[in-house]
Amino acid sequence: IPIKDMLQARQAINKAKKVKAEKYAPKLLKEAVS
């Protein structure tokens, strides 16, 4: 199971939210979550 890969993706998403990706890069953030 690619748990490590999934965890890294989740951490990257959390970091993106911390620097206001919902405001500055909503499309990319949505694609990452999807």
Full PDB file with SEQRES, HELIX, SHEET, SSBOND, CRYST1, ORIGX, SCALE, CONECT and MASTER records, all heavy atoms in Angstrom:
SEQRES   1 A   34  ILE PRO ILE LYS ASP MET LEU GLN ALA ARG GLN ALA ILE          
SEQRES   2 A   34  ASN LYS ALA LYS LYS VAL LYS ALA GLU LYS TYR ALA PRO          
SEQRES   3 A   34  LYS LEU LEU LYS GLU ALA VAL SER                              
HELIX    1 AA1 ILE A    3  LYS A   18  1                                  16    
HELIX    2 AA2 ALA A   21  TYR A   24  1                                   4    
HELIX    3 AA3 PRO A   26  VAL A   33  1                                   8    
CRYST1    1.000    1.000    1.000  90.00  90.00  90.00 P 1           1          
ORIGX1      1.000000  0.000000  0.000000        0.00000                         
ORIGX2      0.000000  1.000000  0.000000        0.00000                         
ORIGX3      0.000000  0.000000  1.000000        0.00000                         
SCALE1      1.000000  0.000000  0.000000        0.00000                         
SCALE2      0.000000  1.000000  0.000000        0.00000                         
SCALE3      0.000000  0.000000  1.000000        0.00000                         
ATOM      1  N   ILE A   1       0.854  -1.186   0.000  1.00  0.00           N  
ATOM      2  CA  ILE A   1       0.000   0.000   0.000  1.00  0.00           C  
ATOM      3  C   ILE A   1       0.893   1.241   0.000  1.00  0.00           C  
ATOM      4  O   ILE A   1       1.819   1.328   0.806  1.00  0.00           O  
ATOM      5  CB  ILE A   1      -0.901   0.028   1.251  1.00  0.00           C  
ATOM      6  CG1 ILE A   1      -1.686  -1.271   1.368  1.00  0.00           C  
ATOM      7  CG2 ILE A   1      -1.838   1.222   1.211  1.00  0.00           C  
ATOM      8  CD1 ILE A   1      -2.632  -1.518   0.246  1.00  0.00           C  
ATOM      9  N   PRO A   2       0.653   2.210  -0.883  1.00  0.00           N  
ATOM     10  CA  PRO A   2       1.513   3.408  -0.958  1.00  0.00           C  
ATOM     11  C   PRO A   2       1.185   4.423   0.143  1.00  0.00           C  
ATOM     12  O   PRO A   2       0.912   5.595  -0.124  1.00  0.00           O  
ATOM     13  CB  PRO A   2       1.193   3.962  -2.350  1.00  0.00           C  
ATOM     14  CG  PRO A   2      -0.231   3.597  -2.564  1.00  0.00           C  
ATOM     15  CD  PRO A   2      -0.385   2.227  -1.939  1.00  0.00           C  
ATOM     16  N   ILE A   3       1.230   3.948   1.386  1.00  0.00           N  
ATOM     17  CA  ILE A   3       0.870   4.814   2.514  1.00  0.00           C  
ATOM     18  C   ILE A   3       1.828   5.997   2.621  1.00  0.00           C  
ATOM     19  O   ILE A   3       1.419   7.123   2.879  1.00  0.00           O  
ATOM     20  CB  ILE A   3       0.845   4.007   3.830  1.00  0.00           C  
ATOM     21  CG1 ILE A   3      -0.308   3.009   3.785  1.00  0.00           C  
ATOM     22  CG2 ILE A   3       0.700   4.931   5.035  1.00  0.00           C  
ATOM     23  CD1 ILE A   3      -0.390   2.094   4.984  1.00  0.00           C  
ATOM     24  N   LYS A   4       3.130   5.738   2.415  1.00  0.00           N  
ATOM     25  CA  LYS A   4       4.116   6.810   2.504  1.00  0.00           C  
ATOM     26  C   LYS A   4       3.828   7.900   1.465  1.00  0.00           C  
ATOM     27  O   LYS A   4       3.865   9.095   1.771  1.00  0.00           O  
ATOM     28  CB  LYS A   4       5.525   6.248   2.301  1.00  0.00           C  
ATOM     29  CG  LYS A   4       6.608   7.306   2.399  1.00  0.00           C  
ATOM     30  CD  LYS A   4       7.992   6.709   2.185  1.00  0.00           C  
ATOM     31  CE  LYS A   4       9.058   7.795   2.225  1.00  0.00           C  
ATOM     32  NZ  LYS A   4      10.425   7.244   1.997  1.00  0.00           N  
ATOM     33  N   ASP A   5       3.513   7.463   0.246  1.00  0.00           N  
ATOM     34  CA  ASP A   5       3.217   8.423  -0.829  1.00  0.00           C  
ATOM     35  C   ASP A   5       1.969   9.244  -0.497  1.00  0.00           C  
ATOM     36  O   ASP A   5       1.921  10.458  -0.729  1.00  0.00           O  
ATOM     37  CB  ASP A   5       3.010   7.684  -2.159  1.00  0.00           C  
ATOM     38  CG  ASP A   5       4.215   6.868  -2.556  1.00  0.00           C  
ATOM     39  OD1 ASP A   5       4.329   5.715  -2.090  1.00  0.00           O  
ATOM     40  OD2 ASP A   5       5.043   7.371  -3.331  1.00  0.00           O  
ATOM     41  N   MET A   6       0.974   8.556   0.034  1.00  0.00           N  
ATOM     42  CA  MET A   6      -0.285   9.224   0.371  1.00  0.00           C  
ATOM     43  C   MET A   6      -0.095  10.199   1.535  1.00  0.00           C  
ATOM     44  O   MET A   6      -0.675  11.287   1.558  1.00  0.00           O  
ATOM     45  CB  MET A   6      -1.347   8.172   0.697  1.00  0.00           C  
ATOM     46  CG  MET A   6      -1.670   7.286  -0.500  1.00  0.00           C  
ATOM     47  SD  MET A   6      -2.695   5.861  -0.072  1.00  0.00           S  
ATOM     48  CE  MET A   6      -4.278   6.652   0.079  1.00  0.00           C  
ATOM     49  N   LEU A   7       0.740   9.801   2.490  1.00  0.00           N  
ATOM     50  CA  LEU A   7       1.015  10.670   3.635  1.00  0.00           C  
ATOM     51  C   LEU A   7       1.761  11.927   3.188  1.00  0.00           C  
ATOM     52  O   LEU A   7       1.463  13.033   3.640  1.00  0.00           O  
ATOM     53  CB  LEU A   7       1.838   9.911   4.666  1.00  0.00           C  
ATOM     54  CG  LEU A   7       2.164  10.669   5.965  1.00  0.00           C  
ATOM     55  CD1 LEU A   7       0.884  11.105   6.665  1.00  0.00           C  
ATOM     56  CD2 LEU A   7       3.018   9.813   6.882  1.00  0.00           C  
ATOM     57  N   GLN A   8       2.712  11.743   2.275  1.00  0.00           N  
ATOM     58  CA  GLN A   8       3.463  12.890   1.755  1.00  0.00           C  
ATOM     59  C   GLN A   8       2.545  13.845   1.000  1.00  0.00           C  
ATOM     60  O   GLN A   8       2.682  15.074   1.101  1.00  0.00           O  
ATOM     61  CB  GLN A   8       4.594  12.404   0.833  1.00  0.00           C  
ATOM     62  CG  GLN A   8       5.740  11.755   1.591  1.00  0.00           C  
ATOM     63  CD  GLN A   8       6.824  11.210   0.691  1.00  0.00           C  
ATOM     64  OE1 GLN A   8       7.860  10.744   1.162  1.00  0.00           O  
ATOM     65  NE2 GLN A   8       6.609  11.239  -0.606  1.00  0.00           N  
ATOM     66  N   ALA A   9       1.599  13.276   0.257  1.00  0.00           N  
ATOM     67  CA  ALA A   9       0.633  14.109  -0.472  1.00  0.00           C  
ATOM     68  C   ALA A   9      -0.239  14.886   0.507  1.00  0.00           C  
ATOM     69  O   ALA A   9      -0.494  16.089   0.322  1.00  0.00           O  
ATOM     70  CB  ALA A   9      -0.236  13.228  -1.366  1.00  0.00           C  
ATOM     71  N   ARG A  10      -0.663  14.205   1.539  1.00  0.00           N  
ATOM     72  CA  ARG A  10      -1.510  14.849   2.545  1.00  0.00           C  
ATOM     73  C   ARG A  10      -0.766  15.983   3.250  1.00  0.00           C  
ATOM     74  O   ARG A  10      -1.316  17.050   3.504  1.00  0.00           O  
ATOM     75  CB  ARG A  10      -1.958  13.797   3.561  1.00  0.00           C  
ATOM     76  CG  ARG A  10      -3.031  14.291   4.514  1.00  0.00           C  
ATOM     77  CD  ARG A  10      -3.498  13.142   5.388  1.00  0.00           C  
ATOM     78  NE  ARG A  10      -4.514  13.597   6.320  1.00  0.00           N  
ATOM     79  CZ  ARG A  10      -4.598  13.220   7.581  1.00  0.00           C  
ATOM     80  NH1 ARG A  10      -3.706  12.392   8.067  1.00  0.00           N  
ATOM     81  NH2 ARG A  10      -5.560  13.653   8.362  1.00  0.00           N  
ATOM     82  N   GLN A  11       0.487  15.748   3.564  1.00  0.00           N  
ATOM     83  CA  GLN A  11       1.302  16.779   4.217  1.00  0.00           C  
ATOM     84  C   GLN A  11       1.498  17.984   3.302  1.00  0.00           C  
ATOM     85  O   GLN A  11       1.456  19.138   3.749  1.00  0.00           O  
ATOM     86  CB  GLN A  11       2.655  16.190   4.629  1.00  0.00           C  
ATOM     87  CG  GLN A  11       2.561  15.200   5.780  1.00  0.00           C  
ATOM     88  CD  GLN A  11       3.871  14.476   6.055  1.00  0.00           C  
ATOM     89  OE1 GLN A  11       4.743  14.384   5.176  1.00  0.00           O  
ATOM     90  NE2 GLN A  11       4.019  13.953   7.265  1.00  0.00           N  
ATOM     91  N   ALA A  12       1.701  17.716   2.010  1.00  0.00           N  
ATOM     92  CA  ALA A  12       1.882  18.800   1.042  1.00  0.00           C  
ATOM     93  C   ALA A  12       0.609  19.641   0.919  1.00  0.00           C  
ATOM     94  O   ALA A  12       0.661  20.873   0.810  1.00  0.00           O  
ATOM     95  CB  ALA A  12       2.271  18.226  -0.320  1.00  0.00           C  
ATOM     96  N   ILE A  13      -0.540  18.979   0.959  1.00  0.00           N  
ATOM     97  CA  ILE A  13      -1.829  19.686   0.899  1.00  0.00           C  
ATOM     98  C   ILE A  13      -2.010  20.564   2.134  1.00  0.00           C  
ATOM     99  O   ILE A  13      -2.451  21.717   2.036  1.00  0.00           O  
ATOM    100  CB  ILE A  13      -2.994  18.680   0.767  1.00  0.00           C  
ATOM    101  CG1 ILE A  13      -2.992  18.066  -0.638  1.00  0.00           C  
ATOM    102  CG2 ILE A  13      -4.340  19.359   1.035  1.00  0.00           C  
ATOM    103  CD1 ILE A  13      -3.954  16.909  -0.811  1.00  0.00           C  
ATOM    104  N   ASN A  14      -1.665  20.028   3.291  1.00  0.00           N  
ATOM    105  CA  ASN A  14      -1.773  20.810   4.530  1.00  0.00           C  
ATOM    106  C   ASN A  14      -0.872  22.043   4.486  1.00  0.00           C  
ATOM    107  O   ASN A  14      -1.253  23.129   4.938  1.00  0.00           O  
ATOM    108  CB  ASN A  14      -1.426  19.945   5.740  1.00  0.00           C  
ATOM    109  CG  ASN A  14      -2.509  18.921   6.047  1.00  0.00           C  
ATOM    110  OD1 ASN A  14      -3.659  19.089   5.649  1.00  0.00           O  
ATOM    111  ND2 ASN A  14      -2.147  17.860   6.745  1.00  0.00           N  
ATOM    112  N   LYS A  15       0.331  21.874   3.931  1.00  0.00           N  
ATOM    113  CA  LYS A  15       1.251  23.006   3.797  1.00  0.00           C  
ATOM    114  C   LYS A  15       0.693  24.042   2.819  1.00  0.00           C  
ATOM    115  O   LYS A  15       0.804  25.247   3.052  1.00  0.00           O  
ATOM    116  CB  LYS A  15       2.621  22.513   3.327  1.00  0.00           C  
ATOM    117  CG  LYS A  15       3.381  21.737   4.391  1.00  0.00           C  
ATOM    118  CD  LYS A  15       4.639  21.088   3.849  1.00  0.00           C  
ATOM    119  CE  LYS A  15       5.719  22.076   3.534  1.00  0.00           C  
ATOM    120  NZ  LYS A  15       6.980  21.412   3.129  1.00  0.00           N  
ATOM    121  N   ALA A  16       0.078  23.550   1.740  1.00  0.00           N  
ATOM    122  CA  ALA A  16      -0.516  24.462   0.758  1.00  0.00           C  
ATOM    123  C   ALA A  16      -1.614  25.306   1.391  1.00  0.00           C  
ATOM    124  O   ALA A  16      -1.716  26.515   1.155  1.00  0.00           O  
ATOM    125  CB  ALA A  16      -1.070  23.662  -0.423  1.00  0.00           C  
ATOM    126  N   LYS A  17      -2.427  24.669   2.217  1.00  0.00           N  
ATOM    127  CA  LYS A  17      -3.497  25.399   2.895  1.00  0.00           C  
ATOM    128  C   LYS A  17      -2.931  26.429   3.866  1.00  0.00           C  
ATOM    129  O   LYS A  17      -3.494  27.513   4.041  1.00  0.00           O  
ATOM    130  CB  LYS A  17      -4.413  24.424   3.627  1.00  0.00           C  
ATOM    131  CG  LYS A  17      -5.267  23.573   2.690  1.00  0.00           C  
ATOM    132  CD  LYS A  17      -6.144  22.604   3.472  1.00  0.00           C  
ATOM    133  CE  LYS A  17      -7.041  21.796   2.540  1.00  0.00           C  
ATOM    134  NZ  LYS A  17      -7.893  20.829   3.286  1.00  0.00           N  
ATOM    135  N   LYS A  18      -1.799  26.088   4.485  1.00  0.00           N  
ATOM    136  CA  LYS A  18      -1.176  26.990   5.457  1.00  0.00           C  
ATOM    137  C   LYS A  18      -0.705  28.282   4.805  1.00  0.00           C  
ATOM    138  O   LYS A  18      -0.697  29.342   5.445  1.00  0.00           O  
ATOM    139  CB  LYS A  18       0.003  26.278   6.132  1.00  0.00           C  
ATOM    140  CG  LYS A  18       0.590  27.031   7.308  1.00  0.00           C  
ATOM    141  CD  LYS A  18       1.627  26.198   8.039  1.00  0.00           C  
ATOM    142  CE  LYS A  18       2.177  26.940   9.246  1.00  0.00           C  
ATOM    143  NZ  LYS A  18       3.190  26.121   9.976  1.00  0.00           N  
ATOM    144  N   VAL A  19      -0.321  28.206   3.527  1.00  0.00           N  
ATOM    145  CA  VAL A  19       0.135  29.417   2.830  1.00  0.00           C  
ATOM    146  C   VAL A  19      -0.956  29.986   1.906  1.00  0.00           C  
ATOM    147  O   VAL A  19      -0.691  30.656   0.924  1.00  0.00           O  
ATOM    148  CB  VAL A  19       1.443  29.163   2.043  1.00  0.00           C  
ATOM    149  CG1 VAL A  19       2.596  28.940   3.003  1.00  0.00           C  
ATOM    150  CG2 VAL A  19       1.311  27.989   1.088  1.00  0.00           C  
ATOM    151  N   LYS A  20      -2.213  29.663   2.242  1.00  0.00           N  
ATOM    152  CA  LYS A  20      -3.389  30.269   1.609  1.00  0.00           C  
ATOM    153  C   LYS A  20      -3.592  29.863   0.143  1.00  0.00           C  
ATOM    154  O   LYS A  20      -3.962  30.669  -0.704  1.00  0.00           O  
ATOM    155  CB  LYS A  20      -3.329  31.800   1.710  1.00  0.00           C  
ATOM    156  CG  LYS A  20      -3.150  32.324   3.122  1.00  0.00           C  
ATOM    157  CD  LYS A  20      -3.113  33.851   3.141  1.00  0.00           C  
ATOM    158  CE  LYS A  20      -2.841  34.391   4.524  1.00  0.00           C  
ATOM    159  NZ  LYS A  20      -2.780  35.870   4.551  1.00  0.00           N  
ATOM    160  N   ALA A  21      -3.373  28.578  -0.137  1.00  0.00           N  
ATOM    161  CA  ALA A  21      -3.593  28.087  -1.494  1.00  0.00           C  
ATOM    162  C   ALA A  21      -5.054  28.210  -1.916  1.00  0.00           C  
ATOM    163  O   ALA A  21      -5.359  28.354  -3.098  1.00  0.00           O  
ATOM    164  CB  ALA A  21      -3.143  26.636  -1.613  1.00  0.00           C  
ATOM    165  N   GLU A  22      -5.961  28.162  -0.936  1.00  0.00           N  
ATOM    166  CA  GLU A  22      -7.385  28.305  -1.263  1.00  0.00           C  
ATOM    167  C   GLU A  22      -7.672  29.672  -1.885  1.00  0.00           C  
ATOM    168  O   GLU A  22      -8.607  29.825  -2.654  1.00  0.00           O  
ATOM    169  CB  GLU A  22      -8.224  28.110   0.003  1.00  0.00           C  
ATOM    170  CG  GLU A  22      -8.288  26.651   0.424  1.00  0.00           C  
ATOM    171  CD  GLU A  22      -8.345  26.478   1.943  1.00  0.00           C  
ATOM    172  OE1 GLU A  22      -7.581  27.142   2.649  1.00  0.00           O  
ATOM    173  OE2 GLU A  22      -9.150  25.660   2.397  1.00  0.00           O  
ATOM    174  N   LYS A  23      -6.837  30.645  -1.553  1.00  0.00           N  
ATOM    175  CA  LYS A  23      -6.991  31.998  -2.100  1.00  0.00           C  
ATOM    176  C   LYS A  23      -6.181  32.194  -3.373  1.00  0.00           C  
ATOM    177  O   LYS A  23      -6.679  32.772  -4.342  1.00  0.00           O  
ATOM    178  CB  LYS A  23      -6.548  33.024  -1.053  1.00  0.00           C  
ATOM    179  CG  LYS A  23      -6.603  34.469  -1.536  1.00  0.00           C  
ATOM    180  CD  LYS A  23      -6.168  35.439  -0.441  1.00  0.00           C  
ATOM    181  CE  LYS A  23      -6.225  36.884  -0.934  1.00  0.00           C  
ATOM    182  NZ  LYS A  23      -5.782  37.839   0.135  1.00  0.00           N  
ATOM    183  N   TYR A  24      -4.938  31.733  -3.381  1.00  0.00           N  
ATOM    184  CA  TYR A  24      -4.026  32.044  -4.480  1.00  0.00           C  
ATOM    185  C   TYR A  24      -3.911  30.961  -5.562  1.00  0.00           C  
ATOM    186  O   TYR A  24      -3.493  31.258  -6.677  1.00  0.00           O  
ATOM    187  CB  TYR A  24      -2.629  32.324  -3.926  1.00  0.00           C  
ATOM    188  CG  TYR A  24      -2.587  33.469  -2.959  1.00  0.00           C  
ATOM    189  CD1 TYR A  24      -2.253  33.264  -1.619  1.00  0.00           C  
ATOM    190  CD2 TYR A  24      -2.894  34.763  -3.361  1.00  0.00           C  
ATOM    191  CE1 TYR A  24      -2.216  34.310  -0.712  1.00  0.00           C  
ATOM    192  CE2 TYR A  24      -2.858  35.819  -2.467  1.00  0.00           C  
ATOM    193  CZ  TYR A  24      -2.524  35.589  -1.144  1.00  0.00           C  
ATOM    194  OH  TYR A  24      -2.492  36.626  -0.250  1.00  0.00           O  
ATOM    195  N   ALA A  25      -4.237  29.713  -5.216  1.00  0.00           N  
ATOM    196  CA  ALA A  25      -4.129  28.624  -6.199  1.00  0.00           C  
ATOM    197  C   ALA A  25      -5.248  27.611  -5.980  1.00  0.00           C  
ATOM    198  O   ALA A  25      -4.997  26.416  -5.787  1.00  0.00           O  
ATOM    199  CB  ALA A  25      -2.767  27.953  -6.082  1.00  0.00           C  
ATOM    200  N   PRO A  26      -6.508  28.062  -6.013  1.00  0.00           N  
ATOM    201  CA  PRO A  26      -7.633  27.170  -5.703  1.00  0.00           C  
ATOM    202  C   PRO A  26      -7.769  25.985  -6.656  1.00  0.00           C  
ATOM    203  O   PRO A  26      -8.103  24.877  -6.233  1.00  0.00           O  
ATOM    204  CB  PRO A  26      -8.850  28.097  -5.785  1.00  0.00           C  
ATOM    205  CG  PRO A  26      -8.405  29.240  -6.655  1.00  0.00           C  
ATOM    206  CD  PRO A  26      -6.955  29.422  -6.343  1.00  0.00           C  
ATOM    207  N   LYS A  27      -7.487  26.202  -7.937  1.00  0.00           N  
ATOM    208  CA  LYS A  27      -7.640  25.125  -8.921  1.00  0.00           C  
ATOM    209  C   LYS A  27      -6.620  24.012  -8.657  1.00  0.00           C  
ATOM    210  O   LYS A  27      -6.975  22.823  -8.652  1.00  0.00           O  
ATOM    211  CB  LYS A  27      -7.451  25.684 -10.335  1.00  0.00           C  
ATOM    212  CG  LYS A  27      -7.701  24.672 -11.449  1.00  0.00           C  
ATOM    213  CD  LYS A  27      -7.648  25.354 -12.816  1.00  0.00           C  
ATOM    214  CE  LYS A  27      -7.956  24.372 -13.940  1.00  0.00           C  
ATOM    215  NZ  LYS A  27      -6.924  23.313 -14.089  1.00  0.00           N  
ATOM    216  N   LEU A  28      -5.368  24.390  -8.451  1.00  0.00           N  
ATOM    217  CA  LEU A  28      -4.328  23.393  -8.178  1.00  0.00           C  
ATOM    218  C   LEU A  28      -4.600  22.649  -6.869  1.00  0.00           C  
ATOM    219  O   LEU A  28      -4.417  21.434  -6.786  1.00  0.00           O  
ATOM    220  CB  LEU A  28      -2.960  24.083  -8.100  1.00  0.00           C  
ATOM    221  CG  LEU A  28      -2.283  24.418  -9.429  1.00  0.00           C  
ATOM    222  CD1 LEU A  28      -1.043  25.280  -9.185  1.00  0.00           C  
ATOM    223  CD2 LEU A  28      -1.896  23.156 -10.179  1.00  0.00           C  
ATOM    224  N   LEU A  29      -5.046  23.380  -5.864  1.00  0.00           N  
ATOM    225  CA  LEU A  29      -5.344  22.748  -4.581  1.00  0.00           C  
ATOM    226  C   LEU A  29      -6.485  21.747  -4.725  1.00  0.00           C  
ATOM    227  O   LEU A  29      -6.430  20.631  -4.181  1.00  0.00           O  
ATOM    228  CB  LEU A  29      -5.701  23.803  -3.537  1.00  0.00           C  
ATOM    229  CG  LEU A  29      -6.036  23.262  -2.143  1.00  0.00           C  
ATOM    230  CD1 LEU A  29      -4.843  22.508  -1.548  1.00  0.00           C  
ATOM    231  CD2 LEU A  29      -6.462  24.391  -1.218  1.00  0.00           C  
ATOM    232  N   LYS A  30      -7.508  22.129  -5.473  1.00  0.00           N  
ATOM    233  CA  LYS A  30      -8.644  21.242  -5.697  1.00  0.00           C  
ATOM    234  C   LYS A  30      -8.199  19.974  -6.417  1.00  0.00           C  
ATOM    235  O   LYS A  30      -8.642  18.866  -6.089  1.00  0.00           O  
ATOM    236  CB  LYS A  30      -9.717  21.965  -6.521  1.00  0.00           C  
ATOM    237  CG  LYS A  30     -10.978  21.164  -6.728  1.00  0.00           C  
ATOM    238  CD  LYS A  30     -12.018  21.968  -7.506  1.00  0.00           C  
ATOM    239  CE  LYS A  30     -13.284  21.146  -7.720  1.00  0.00           C  
ATOM    240  NZ  LYS A  30     -14.297  21.920  -8.491  1.00  0.00           N  
ATOM    241  N   GLU A  31      -7.305  20.129  -7.395  1.00  0.00           N  
ATOM    242  CA  GLU A  31      -6.796  18.971  -8.137  1.00  0.00           C  
ATOM    243  C   GLU A  31      -5.962  18.062  -7.225  1.00  0.00           C  
ATOM    244  O   GLU A  31      -6.020  16.835  -7.343  1.00  0.00           O  
ATOM    245  CB  GLU A  31      -5.948  19.448  -9.318  1.00  0.00           C  
ATOM    246  CG  GLU A  31      -6.771  20.115 -10.423  1.00  0.00           C  
ATOM    247  CD  GLU A  31      -5.903  20.738 -11.504  1.00  0.00           C  
ATOM    248  OE1 GLU A  31      -4.662  20.770 -11.326  1.00  0.00           O  
ATOM    249  OE2 GLU A  31      -6.456  21.206 -12.518  1.00  0.00           O  
ATOM    250  N   ALA A  32      -5.206  18.674  -6.319  1.00  0.00           N  
ATOM    251  CA  ALA A  32      -4.381  17.894  -5.386  1.00  0.00           C  
ATOM    252  C   ALA A  32      -5.261  17.060  -4.459  1.00  0.00           C  
ATOM    253  O   ALA A  32      -5.009  15.867  -4.251  1.00  0.00           O  
ATOM    254  CB  ALA A  32      -3.498  18.835  -4.575  1.00  0.00           C  
ATOM    255  N   VAL A  33      -6.292  17.688  -3.919  1.00  0.00           N  
ATOM    256  CA  VAL A  33      -7.212  16.987  -3.012  1.00  0.00           C  
ATOM    257  C   VAL A  33      -7.946  15.881  -3.755  1.00  0.00           C  
ATOM    258  O   VAL A  33      -8.091  14.754  -3.260  1.00  0.00           O  
ATOM    259  CB  VAL A  33      -8.211  17.979  -2.381  1.00  0.00           C  
ATOM    260  CG1 VAL A  33      -9.283  17.229  -1.592  1.00  0.00           C  
ATOM    261  CG2 VAL A  33      -7.488  18.962  -1.472  1.00  0.00           C  
ATOM    262  N   SER A  34      -8.390  16.199  -4.965  1.00  0.00           N  
ATOM    263  CA  SER A  34      -9.121  15.225  -5.774  1.00  0.00           C  
ATOM    264  C   SER A  34      -8.258  13.999  -6.079  1.00  0.00           C  
ATOM    265  O   SER A  34      -8.726  12.856  -6.015  1.00  0.00           O  
ATOM    266  CB  SER A  34      -9.585  15.891  -7.080  1.00  0.00           C  
ATOM    267  OG  SER A  34     -10.242  14.958  -7.907  1.00  0.00           O  
TER     268      SER A  34                                                      
MASTER        0    0    0    3    0    0    0    6  267    1    0    3          
END                                                                             
